[in-house]
């Protein structure tokens, strides 16, 4: 897909952070944008902000954990626009760092429900209609280097969810190709430096029925500023903060260029990490 003007883009988790930056980039290219988010106030604010320039953008409240909610989103998109050309399965949440044996079932139900099932629900609800339309399209799944490339041991729940997204996206890409469709899949790794997004405060949206046991309250999830200090101490230098609009623009360029893995500084970020990881695994050692 070389041109985005007139195309229809659907973005989950689109009311803030990377999702909103992707929406802004798509609108800047002349696309029609539908942003989906679980937070109504944030969604309304994002639509008002993004619509200032007169672009075609509207929002739908969606809980990606619920297939019926995502299917309803697909119904509304195809009723309004008649097509979907760019599907960004971007919604994501996390939990505080903790030992794996201290996690609770609800930690996994919530994070996997959003990060993995949310992606699967997007694929199930949209891809059959995208294929049937006969038009070219791209499914972009947001993963993370934390899990997709190498897990951070303090974040087993989040890392496992993003490893799953990376694997299922590879499978999707191969299946779309083998089936002879006009669709392709893209694996998106947000990168370039520290990312100032709402992933650090996702506890605000954690459903009451998936709360942790009161006898075992979760540790506090570090803020963006606290995480920046932690990483600075661990690495010995201060990481740059990546501009989200620049990241979104680079993502669209990666899609336009036909890339499967879209990531800033891909060779620098991936090759050393994956080479070292492979060496350790082949030698029988734990890579982290």
C-alpha atoms as a PDB file:
ATOM      1  CA  UNK A   1       0.000   0.000   0.000  1.00  0.00           C
ATOM      2  CA  UNK A   2       1.685   3.163  -1.231  1.00  0.00           C
ATOM      3  CA  UNK A   3      -1.007   5.771  -0.698  1.00  0.00           C
ATOM      4  CA  UNK A   4      -3.206   6.332   2.347  1.00  0.00           C
ATOM      5  CA  UNK A   5      -5.367   9.170   1.046  1.00  0.00           C
ATOM      6  CA  UNK A   6      -9.012   8.115   1.086  1.00  0.00           C
ATOM      7  CA  UNK A   7      -8.207   4.868   2.884  1.00  0.00           C
ATOM      8  CA  UNK A   8     -10.004   3.843   6.066  1.00  0.00           C
ATOM      9  CA  UNK A   9      -7.884   3.314   9.172  1.00  0.00           C
ATOM     10  CA  UNK A  10      -9.158   1.744  12.397  1.00  0.00           C
ATOM     11  CA  UNK A  11      -7.035   2.136  15.522  1.00  0.00           C
ATOM     12  CA  UNK A  12      -7.722   0.482  18.865  1.00  0.00           C
ATOM     13  CA  UNK A  13      -6.316   2.194  21.923  1.00  0.00           C
ATOM     14  CA  UNK A  14      -6.513   5.295  19.767  1.00  0.00           C
ATOM     15  CA  UNK A  15      -7.447   7.912  22.352  1.00  0.00           C
ATOM     16  CA  UNK A  16      -3.936   8.504  23.655  1.00  0.00           C
ATOM     17  CA  UNK A  17      -0.244   7.819  23.228  1.00  0.00           C
ATOM     18  CA  UNK A  18       0.919   5.854  20.225  1.00  0.00           C
ATOM     19  CA  UNK A  19      -2.627   5.202  19.050  1.00  0.00           C
ATOM     20  CA  UNK A  20      -3.482   8.889  18.898  1.00  0.00           C
ATOM     21  CA  UNK A  21      -0.186   9.633  17.136  1.00  0.00           C
ATOM     22  CA  UNK A  22      -1.017   6.965  14.543  1.00  0.00           C
ATOM     23  CA  UNK A  23      -4.447   8.526  14.077  1.00  0.00           C
ATOM     24  CA  UNK A  24      -2.887  11.958  13.579  1.00  0.00           C
ATOM     25  CA  UNK A  25      -0.403  10.548  11.053  1.00  0.00           C
ATOM     26  CA  UNK A  26      -3.146   8.778   9.095  1.00  0.00           C
ATOM     27  CA  UNK A  27      -5.276  11.929   9.015  1.00  0.00           C
ATOM     28  CA  UNK A  28      -2.259  13.856   7.808  1.00  0.00           C
ATOM     29  CA  UNK A  29      -2.043  11.447   4.880  1.00  0.00           C
ATOM     30  CA  UNK A  30      -5.698  12.032   4.019  1.00  0.00           C
ATOM     31  CA  UNK A  31      -7.084   8.812   5.490  1.00  0.00           C
ATOM     32  CA  UNK A  32     -10.470   8.429   7.151  1.00  0.00           C
ATOM     33  CA  UNK A  33      -9.885   7.422  10.758  1.00  0.00           C
ATOM     34  CA  UNK A  34     -11.917   5.516  13.318  1.00  0.00           C
ATOM     35  CA  UNK A  35     -10.406   5.454  16.798  1.00  0.00           C
ATOM     36  CA  UNK A  36     -11.615   2.913  19.324  1.00  0.00           C
ATOM     37  CA  UNK A  37     -10.948   3.118  23.041  1.00  0.00           C
ATOM     38  CA  UNK A  38     -12.410   1.888  26.297  1.00  0.00           C
ATOM     39  CA  UNK A  39     -12.348   5.374  27.883  1.00  0.00           C
ATOM     40  CA  UNK A  40     -15.217   7.591  26.719  1.00  0.00           C
ATOM     41  CA  UNK A  41     -13.874  10.946  28.057  1.00  0.00           C
ATOM     42  CA  UNK A  42     -10.434  10.382  26.537  1.00  0.00           C
ATOM     43  CA  UNK A  43     -12.018   9.222  23.292  1.00  0.00           C
ATOM     44  CA  UNK A  44     -14.231  12.299  22.991  1.00  0.00           C
ATOM     45  CA  UNK A  45     -11.289  14.586  23.745  1.00  0.00           C
ATOM     46  CA  UNK A  46      -9.115  12.836  21.147  1.00  0.00           C
ATOM     47  CA  UNK A  47     -11.791  13.073  18.444  1.00  0.00           C
ATOM     48  CA  UNK A  48     -12.272  16.777  19.179  1.00  0.00           C
ATOM     49  CA  UNK A  49      -8.521  17.398  19.048  1.00  0.00           C
ATOM     50  CA  UNK A  50      -7.886  15.364  15.906  1.00  0.00           C
ATOM     51  CA  UNK A  51     -10.880  16.804  14.093  1.00  0.00           C
ATOM     52  CA  UNK A  52      -9.726  20.414  14.387  1.00  0.00           C
ATOM     53  CA  UNK A  53      -8.121  20.329  10.948  1.00  0.00           C
ATOM     54  CA  UNK A  54     -11.319  19.096   9.344  1.00  0.00           C
ATOM     55  CA  UNK A  55     -10.211  15.489   8.916  1.00  0.00           C
ATOM     56  CA  UNK A  56     -12.699  12.604   8.794  1.00  0.00           C
ATOM     57  CA  UNK A  57     -12.385  11.092  12.272  1.00  0.00           C
ATOM     58  CA  UNK A  58     -14.829   9.621  14.715  1.00  0.00           C
ATOM     59  CA  UNK A  59     -14.624   7.462  17.819  1.00  0.00           C
ATOM     60  CA  UNK A  60     -16.271   4.318  19.128  1.00  0.00           C
ATOM     61  CA  UNK A  61     -16.154   3.048  22.695  1.00  0.00           C
ATOM     62  CA  UNK A  62     -14.827  -0.506  22.510  1.00  0.00           C
ATOM     63  CA  UNK A  63     -13.593  -3.079  25.010  1.00  0.00           C
ATOM     64  CA  UNK A  64     -11.253  -5.225  22.935  1.00  0.00           C
ATOM     65  CA  UNK A  65     -11.490  -8.068  25.478  1.00  0.00           C
ATOM     66  CA  UNK A  66     -15.087  -8.573  24.326  1.00  0.00           C
ATOM     67  CA  UNK A  67     -15.432 -10.027  20.825  1.00  0.00           C
ATOM     68  CA  UNK A  68     -18.994  -8.712  20.460  1.00  0.00           C
ATOM     69  CA  UNK A  69     -17.742  -5.198  21.202  1.00  0.00           C
ATOM     70  CA  UNK A  70     -15.063  -5.473  18.496  1.00  0.00           C
ATOM     71  CA  UNK A  71     -17.537  -7.052  16.057  1.00  0.00           C
ATOM     72  CA  UNK A  72     -19.885  -4.118  16.670  1.00  0.00           C
ATOM     73  CA  UNK A  73     -16.985  -1.792  15.862  1.00  0.00           C
ATOM     74  CA  UNK A  74     -16.469  -3.628  12.573  1.00  0.00           C
ATOM     75  CA  UNK A  75     -20.190  -3.328  11.802  1.00  0.00           C
ATOM     76  CA  UNK A  76     -20.073   0.427  12.358  1.00  0.00           C
ATOM     77  CA  UNK A  77     -16.919   0.887  10.301  1.00  0.00           C
ATOM     78  CA  UNK A  78     -18.260  -1.013   7.304  1.00  0.00           C
ATOM     79  CA  UNK A  79     -21.688   0.637   7.572  1.00  0.00           C
ATOM     80  CA  UNK A  80     -20.100   4.106   7.653  1.00  0.00           C
ATOM     81  CA  UNK A  81     -17.195   3.660   5.256  1.00  0.00           C
ATOM     82  CA  UNK A  82     -17.808   0.400   3.411  1.00  0.00           C
ATOM     83  CA  UNK A  83     -14.230  -0.740   3.940  1.00  0.00           C
ATOM     84  CA  UNK A  84     -11.251  -1.029   6.244  1.00  0.00           C
ATOM     85  CA  UNK A  85      -7.796  -0.743   4.697  1.00  0.00           C
ATOM     86  CA  UNK A  86      -5.592  -0.241   7.759  1.00  0.00           C
ATOM     87  CA  UNK A  87      -6.339  -2.100  10.979  1.00  0.00           C
ATOM     88  CA  UNK A  88      -4.127  -1.131  13.906  1.00  0.00           C
ATOM     89  CA  UNK A  89      -4.560  -3.589  16.789  1.00  0.00           C
ATOM     90  CA  UNK A  90      -2.831  -1.285  19.232  1.00  0.00           C
ATOM     91  CA  UNK A  91      -4.655  -1.369  22.594  1.00  0.00           C
ATOM     92  CA  UNK A  92      -2.456  -2.588  25.437  1.00  0.00           C
ATOM     93  CA  UNK A  93      -2.161  -2.709  29.224  1.00  0.00           C
ATOM     94  CA  UNK A  94       0.386  -3.805  31.802  1.00  0.00           C
ATOM     95  CA  UNK A  95       0.772  -4.656  35.468  1.00  0.00           C
ATOM     96  CA  UNK A  96       3.496  -3.704  37.966  1.00  0.00           C
ATOM     97  CA  UNK A  97       6.750  -5.642  38.115  1.00  0.00           C
ATOM     98  CA  UNK A  98       6.440  -8.770  40.239  1.00  0.00           C
ATOM     99  CA  UNK A  99       7.744 -12.294  40.545  1.00  0.00           C
ATOM    100  CA  UNK A 100       5.885 -14.809  38.421  1.00  0.00           C
ATOM    101  CA  UNK A 101       4.822 -16.809  41.473  1.00  0.00           C
ATOM    102  CA  UNK A 102       3.292 -13.664  42.959  1.00  0.00           C
ATOM    103  CA  UNK A 103       1.045 -13.002  39.965  1.00  0.00           C
ATOM    104  CA  UNK A 104      -2.637 -13.819  40.268  1.00  0.00           C
ATOM    105  CA  UNK A 105      -5.022 -15.339  37.734  1.00  0.00           C
ATOM    106  CA  UNK A 106      -6.687 -11.976  37.236  1.00  0.00           C
ATOM    107  CA  UNK A 107      -3.376 -10.395  36.203  1.00  0.00           C
ATOM    108  CA  UNK A 108      -3.206 -12.837  33.311  1.00  0.00           C
ATOM    109  CA  UNK A 109      -6.900 -12.593  32.483  1.00  0.00           C
ATOM    110  CA  UNK A 110      -6.712  -8.837  32.182  1.00  0.00           C
ATOM    111  CA  UNK A 111      -3.396  -8.419  30.350  1.00  0.00           C
ATOM    112  CA  UNK A 112      -3.860 -11.358  27.977  1.00  0.00           C
ATOM    113  CA  UNK A 113      -7.480 -10.317  27.474  1.00  0.00           C
ATOM    114  CA  UNK A 114      -6.445  -6.917  26.151  1.00  0.00           C
ATOM    115  CA  UNK A 115      -3.002  -7.530  24.667  1.00  0.00           C
ATOM    116  CA  UNK A 116      -3.584 -10.918  23.040  1.00  0.00           C
ATOM    117  CA  UNK A 117      -7.306 -11.595  22.776  1.00  0.00           C
ATOM    118  CA  UNK A 118      -7.819  -7.968  21.783  1.00  0.00           C
ATOM    119  CA  UNK A 119      -5.543  -8.504  18.777  1.00  0.00           C
ATOM    120  CA  UNK A 120      -7.205 -11.812  17.929  1.00  0.00           C
ATOM    121  CA  UNK A 121     -10.670 -10.258  18.197  1.00  0.00           C
ATOM    122  CA  UNK A 122      -9.617  -7.498  15.815  1.00  0.00           C
ATOM    123  CA  UNK A 123      -8.388 -10.064  13.320  1.00  0.00           C
ATOM    124  CA  UNK A 124     -11.493 -12.226  13.655  1.00  0.00           C
ATOM    125  CA  UNK A 125     -13.919  -9.310  13.332  1.00  0.00           C
ATOM    126  CA  UNK A 126     -12.208  -7.404  10.500  1.00  0.00           C
ATOM    127  CA  UNK A 127     -10.033  -9.682   8.398  1.00  0.00           C
ATOM    128  CA  UNK A 128     -12.814 -11.819   6.841  1.00  0.00           C
ATOM    129  CA  UNK A 129     -14.583  -8.642   5.678  1.00  0.00           C
ATOM    130  CA  UNK A 130     -11.320  -7.101   4.493  1.00  0.00           C
ATOM    131  CA  UNK A 131     -10.584 -10.219   2.442  1.00  0.00           C
ATOM    132  CA  UNK A 132     -14.124 -10.314   1.042  1.00  0.00           C
ATOM    133  CA  UNK A 133     -13.853  -6.691  -0.077  1.00  0.00           C
ATOM    134  CA  UNK A 134     -11.114  -7.667  -2.530  1.00  0.00           C
ATOM    135  CA  UNK A 135      -9.174  -4.513  -1.686  1.00  0.00           C
ATOM    136  CA  UNK A 136      -5.583  -4.296  -0.508  1.00  0.00           C
ATOM    137  CA  UNK A 137      -5.211  -3.944   3.238  1.00  0.00           C
ATOM    138  CA  UNK A 138      -2.762  -4.098   6.114  1.00  0.00           C
ATOM    139  CA  UNK A 139      -3.185  -5.475   9.639  1.00  0.00           C
ATOM    140  CA  UNK A 140      -0.734  -3.830  12.031  1.00  0.00           C
ATOM    141  CA  UNK A 141      -0.281  -5.502  15.419  1.00  0.00           C
ATOM    142  CA  UNK A 142       1.540  -3.619  18.169  1.00  0.00           C
ATOM    143  CA  UNK A 143       4.024  -5.797  20.026  1.00  0.00           C
ATOM    144  CA  UNK A 144       6.998  -4.779  22.166  1.00  0.00           C
ATOM    145  CA  UNK A 145      10.692  -5.527  22.308  1.00  0.00           C
ATOM    146  CA  UNK A 146       9.867  -6.614  25.858  1.00  0.00           C
ATOM    147  CA  UNK A 147       8.691 -10.095  24.971  1.00  0.00           C
ATOM    148  CA  UNK A 148       8.743  -9.866  21.210  1.00  0.00           C
ATOM    149  CA  UNK A 149      12.539  -9.716  21.126  1.00  0.00           C
ATOM    150  CA  UNK A 150      13.665 -10.425  24.670  1.00  0.00           C
ATOM    151  CA  UNK A 151      11.617 -10.403  27.892  1.00  0.00           C
ATOM    152  CA  UNK A 152      12.353  -8.231  30.891  1.00  0.00           C
ATOM    153  CA  UNK A 153      12.296 -10.714  33.786  1.00  0.00           C
ATOM    154  CA  UNK A 154      10.411  -8.358  36.092  1.00  0.00           C
ATOM    155  CA  UNK A 155       7.441  -8.197  33.722  1.00  0.00           C
ATOM    156  CA  UNK A 156       6.459 -11.802  32.958  1.00  0.00           C
ATOM    157  CA  UNK A 157       2.790 -11.100  32.271  1.00  0.00           C
ATOM    158  CA  UNK A 158       3.337  -8.232  29.840  1.00  0.00           C
ATOM    159  CA  UNK A 159       6.344  -9.881  28.183  1.00  0.00           C
ATOM    160  CA  UNK A 160       4.425 -13.124  27.623  1.00  0.00           C
ATOM    161  CA  UNK A 161       1.551 -11.217  26.057  1.00  0.00           C
ATOM    162  CA  UNK A 162       3.792  -9.370  23.613  1.00  0.00           C
ATOM    163  CA  UNK A 163       5.713 -12.525  22.705  1.00  0.00           C
ATOM    164  CA  UNK A 164       2.334 -14.013  21.790  1.00  0.00           C
ATOM    165  CA  UNK A 165       1.476 -11.007  19.615  1.00  0.00           C
ATOM    166  CA  UNK A 166       4.762 -11.348  17.731  1.00  0.00           C
ATOM    167  CA  UNK A 167       4.202 -15.050  17.087  1.00  0.00           C
ATOM    168  CA  UNK A 168       0.581 -14.762  16.020  1.00  0.00           C
ATOM    169  CA  UNK A 169       1.478 -11.908  13.650  1.00  0.00           C
ATOM    170  CA  UNK A 170       4.086 -14.078  11.935  1.00  0.00           C
ATOM    171  CA  UNK A 171       1.460 -16.800  11.537  1.00  0.00           C
ATOM    172  CA  UNK A 172      -1.080 -14.297  10.222  1.00  0.00           C
ATOM    173  CA  UNK A 173       1.366 -12.928   7.655  1.00  0.00           C
ATOM    174  CA  UNK A 174       2.141 -16.403   6.353  1.00  0.00           C
ATOM    175  CA  UNK A 175      -1.525 -17.400   6.205  1.00  0.00           C
ATOM    176  CA  UNK A 176      -2.608 -14.238   4.390  1.00  0.00           C
ATOM    177  CA  UNK A 177       0.148 -14.823   1.843  1.00  0.00           C
ATOM    178  CA  UNK A 178      -0.554 -18.543   1.399  1.00  0.00           C
ATOM    179  CA  UNK A 179      -4.289 -17.916   0.993  1.00  0.00           C
ATOM    180  CA  UNK A 180      -3.574 -15.512  -1.851  1.00  0.00           C
ATOM    181  CA  UNK A 181      -5.305 -12.548  -0.207  1.00  0.00           C
ATOM    182  CA  UNK A 182      -4.591  -8.891  -0.883  1.00  0.00           C
ATOM    183  CA  UNK A 183      -3.887  -8.364   2.804  1.00  0.00           C
ATOM    184  CA  UNK A 184      -0.618  -8.467   4.667  1.00  0.00           C
ATOM    185  CA  UNK A 185       0.350  -8.321   8.319  1.00  0.00           C
ATOM    186  CA  UNK A 186       2.820  -5.951   9.950  1.00  0.00           C
ATOM    187  CA  UNK A 187       4.570  -6.408  13.283  1.00  0.00           C
ATOM    188  CA  UNK A 188       5.026  -3.023  14.928  1.00  0.00           C
ATOM    189  CA  UNK A 189       7.637  -2.562  17.637  1.00  0.00           C
ATOM    190  CA  UNK A 190       7.353   0.892  19.236  1.00  0.00           C
ATOM    191  CA  UNK A 191      10.939   2.039  19.622  1.00  0.00           C
ATOM    192  CA  UNK A 192      13.438   4.853  19.347  1.00  0.00           C
ATOM    193  CA  UNK A 193      13.767   5.614  23.055  1.00  0.00           C
ATOM    194  CA  UNK A 194      11.528   6.122  26.054  1.00  0.00           C
ATOM    195  CA  UNK A 195       7.857   6.309  25.125  1.00  0.00           C
ATOM    196  CA  UNK A 196       5.746   8.710  27.176  1.00  0.00           C
ATOM    197  CA  UNK A 197       2.380   6.930  26.982  1.00  0.00           C
ATOM    198  CA  UNK A 198      -0.424   5.908  29.310  1.00  0.00           C
ATOM    199  CA  UNK A 199       0.892   2.319  29.562  1.00  0.00           C
ATOM    200  CA  UNK A 200       2.279   3.365  32.951  1.00  0.00           C
ATOM    201  CA  UNK A 201      -1.202   4.143  34.289  1.00  0.00           C
ATOM    202  CA  UNK A 202      -3.331   1.385  32.782  1.00  0.00           C
ATOM    203  CA  UNK A 203      -4.490   0.318  36.246  1.00  0.00           C
ATOM    204  CA  UNK A 204      -7.072   3.094  35.912  1.00  0.00           C
ATOM    205  CA  UNK A 205      -8.984   0.900  33.448  1.00  0.00           C
ATOM    206  CA  UNK A 206      -8.618  -2.427  35.229  1.00  0.00           C
ATOM    207  CA  UNK A 207     -12.124  -3.879  35.710  1.00  0.00           C
ATOM    208  CA  UNK A 208     -13.321  -4.357  39.265  1.00  0.00           C
ATOM    209  CA  UNK A 209     -14.070  -8.029  38.615  1.00  0.00           C
ATOM    210  CA  UNK A 210     -10.411  -8.546  37.679  1.00  0.00           C
ATOM    211  CA  UNK A 211      -8.957  -6.747  40.693  1.00  0.00           C
ATOM    212  CA  UNK A 212      -6.151  -8.413  42.591  1.00  0.00           C
ATOM    213  CA  UNK A 213      -6.765 -10.131  45.914  1.00  0.00           C
ATOM    214  CA  UNK A 214      -6.954  -7.482  48.648  1.00  0.00           C
ATOM    215  CA  UNK A 215      -4.636  -9.601  50.788  1.00  0.00           C
ATOM    216  CA  UNK A 216      -1.998  -9.395  48.066  1.00  0.00           C
ATOM    217  CA  UNK A 217      -2.161  -5.828  46.740  1.00  0.00           C
ATOM    218  CA  UNK A 218      -0.058  -5.075  43.679  1.00  0.00           C
ATOM    219  CA  UNK A 219       3.116  -3.092  43.892  1.00  0.00           C
ATOM    220  CA  UNK A 220       2.999   0.425  42.527  1.00  0.00           C
ATOM    221  CA  UNK A 221       3.535   0.720  38.800  1.00  0.00           C
ATOM    222  CA  UNK A 222       6.321   3.228  38.144  1.00  0.00           C
ATOM    223  CA  UNK A 223       5.416   6.453  36.396  1.00  0.00           C
ATOM    224  CA  UNK A 224       7.092   7.451  33.157  1.00  0.00           C
ATOM    225  CA  UNK A 225       9.485   9.688  35.074  1.00  0.00           C
ATOM    226  CA  UNK A 226      10.313   6.944  37.576  1.00  0.00           C
ATOM    227  CA  UNK A 227      10.889   4.418  34.791  1.00  0.00           C
ATOM    228  CA  UNK A 228      13.232   6.845  33.068  1.00  0.00           C
ATOM    229  CA  UNK A 229      15.294   7.103  36.258  1.00  0.00           C
ATOM    230  CA  UNK A 230      15.311   3.326  36.757  1.00  0.00           C
ATOM    231  CA  UNK A 231      16.581   2.711  33.238  1.00  0.00           C
ATOM    232  CA  UNK A 232      19.151   5.474  33.544  1.00  0.00           C
ATOM    233  CA  UNK A 233      20.528   3.822  36.680  1.00  0.00           C
ATOM    234  CA  UNK A 234      20.529   0.355  35.103  1.00  0.00           C
ATOM    235  CA  UNK A 235      22.122   1.386  31.808  1.00  0.00           C
ATOM    236  CA  UNK A 236      24.436   4.101  33.044  1.00  0.00           C
ATOM    237  CA  UNK A 237      23.133   6.736  30.665  1.00  0.00           C
ATOM    238  CA  UNK A 238      19.950   8.656  30.004  1.00  0.00           C
ATOM    239  CA  UNK A 239      17.746   7.350  27.210  1.00  0.00           C
ATOM    240  CA  UNK A 240      16.191   9.872  24.810  1.00  0.00           C
ATOM    241  CA  UNK A 241      12.441  10.375  24.774  1.00  0.00           C
ATOM    242  CA  UNK A 242      11.014   9.321  21.424  1.00  0.00           C
ATOM    243  CA  UNK A 243       8.620  11.764  19.783  1.00  0.00           C
ATOM    244  CA  UNK A 244       5.409   9.810  19.175  1.00  0.00           C
ATOM    245  CA  UNK A 245       4.450  11.707  16.035  1.00  0.00           C
ATOM    246  CA  UNK A 246       7.851  10.916  14.533  1.00  0.00           C
ATOM    247  CA  UNK A 247       7.340   7.260  15.477  1.00  0.00           C
ATOM    248  CA  UNK A 248       3.897   7.196  13.865  1.00  0.00           C
ATOM    249  CA  UNK A 249       5.187   8.811  10.669  1.00  0.00           C
ATOM    250  CA  UNK A 250       8.001   6.247  10.492  1.00  0.00           C
ATOM    251  CA  UNK A 251       5.442   3.477  10.992  1.00  0.00           C
ATOM    252  CA  UNK A 252       3.440   4.621   7.978  1.00  0.00           C
ATOM    253  CA  UNK A 253       6.651   4.775   5.959  1.00  0.00           C
ATOM    254  CA  UNK A 254       7.441   1.210   6.996  1.00  0.00           C
ATOM    255  CA  UNK A 255       3.985   0.104   5.880  1.00  0.00           C
ATOM    256  CA  UNK A 256       4.417   1.967   2.606  1.00  0.00           C
ATOM    257  CA  UNK A 257       7.782   0.285   2.129  1.00  0.00           C
ATOM    258  CA  UNK A 258       6.318  -3.202   2.493  1.00  0.00           C
ATOM    259  CA  UNK A 259       8.178  -4.040   5.690  1.00  0.00           C
ATOM    260  CA  UNK A 260       6.965  -6.848   7.936  1.00  0.00           C
ATOM    261  CA  UNK A 261       8.843  -5.640  11.031  1.00  0.00           C
ATOM    262  CA  UNK A 262       8.385  -1.910  11.530  1.00  0.00           C
ATOM    263  CA  UNK A 263      10.811  -0.520  14.085  1.00  0.00           C
ATOM    264  CA  UNK A 264      13.027   2.524  14.398  1.00  0.00           C
ATOM    265  CA  UNK A 265      16.730   1.654  14.276  1.00  0.00           C
ATOM    266  CA  UNK A 266      15.731  -1.951  13.589  1.00  0.00           C
ATOM    267  CA  UNK A 267      19.198  -3.315  12.824  1.00  0.00           C
ATOM    268  CA  UNK A 268      20.754  -1.620  15.830  1.00  0.00           C
ATOM    269  CA  UNK A 269      17.978  -2.702  18.169  1.00  0.00           C
ATOM    270  CA  UNK A 270      17.291  -6.234  16.951  1.00  0.00           C
ATOM    271  CA  UNK A 271      20.464  -7.807  15.603  1.00  0.00           C
ATOM    272  CA  UNK A 272      22.684  -7.606  18.713  1.00  0.00           C
ATOM    273  CA  UNK A 273      19.860  -8.644  21.040  1.00  0.00           C
ATOM    274  CA  UNK A 274      18.686 -11.558  18.906  1.00  0.00           C
ATOM    275  CA  UNK A 275      22.229 -12.721  18.124  1.00  0.00           C
ATOM    276  CA  UNK A 276      23.177 -12.853  21.789  1.00  0.00           C
ATOM    277  CA  UNK A 277      19.880 -14.473  22.694  1.00  0.00           C
ATOM    278  CA  UNK A 278      20.301 -17.149  20.033  1.00  0.00           C
ATOM    279  CA  UNK A 279      23.866 -17.917  21.124  1.00  0.00           C
ATOM    280  CA  UNK A 280      22.753 -18.485  24.699  1.00  0.00           C
ATOM    281  CA  UNK A 281      19.801 -20.647  23.708  1.00  0.00           C
ATOM    282  CA  UNK A 282      21.886 -22.767  21.369  1.00  0.00           C
ATOM    283  CA  UNK A 283      24.431 -23.283  24.169  1.00  0.00           C
ATOM    284  CA  UNK A 284      21.652 -24.420  26.479  1.00  0.00           C
ATOM    285  CA  UNK A 285      21.784 -21.311  28.673  1.00  0.00           C
ATOM    286  CA  UNK A 286      18.944 -19.092  29.828  1.00  0.00           C
ATOM    287  CA  UNK A 287      19.129 -15.966  27.662  1.00  0.00           C
ATOM    288  CA  UNK A 288      18.141 -13.551  30.439  1.00  0.00           C
END
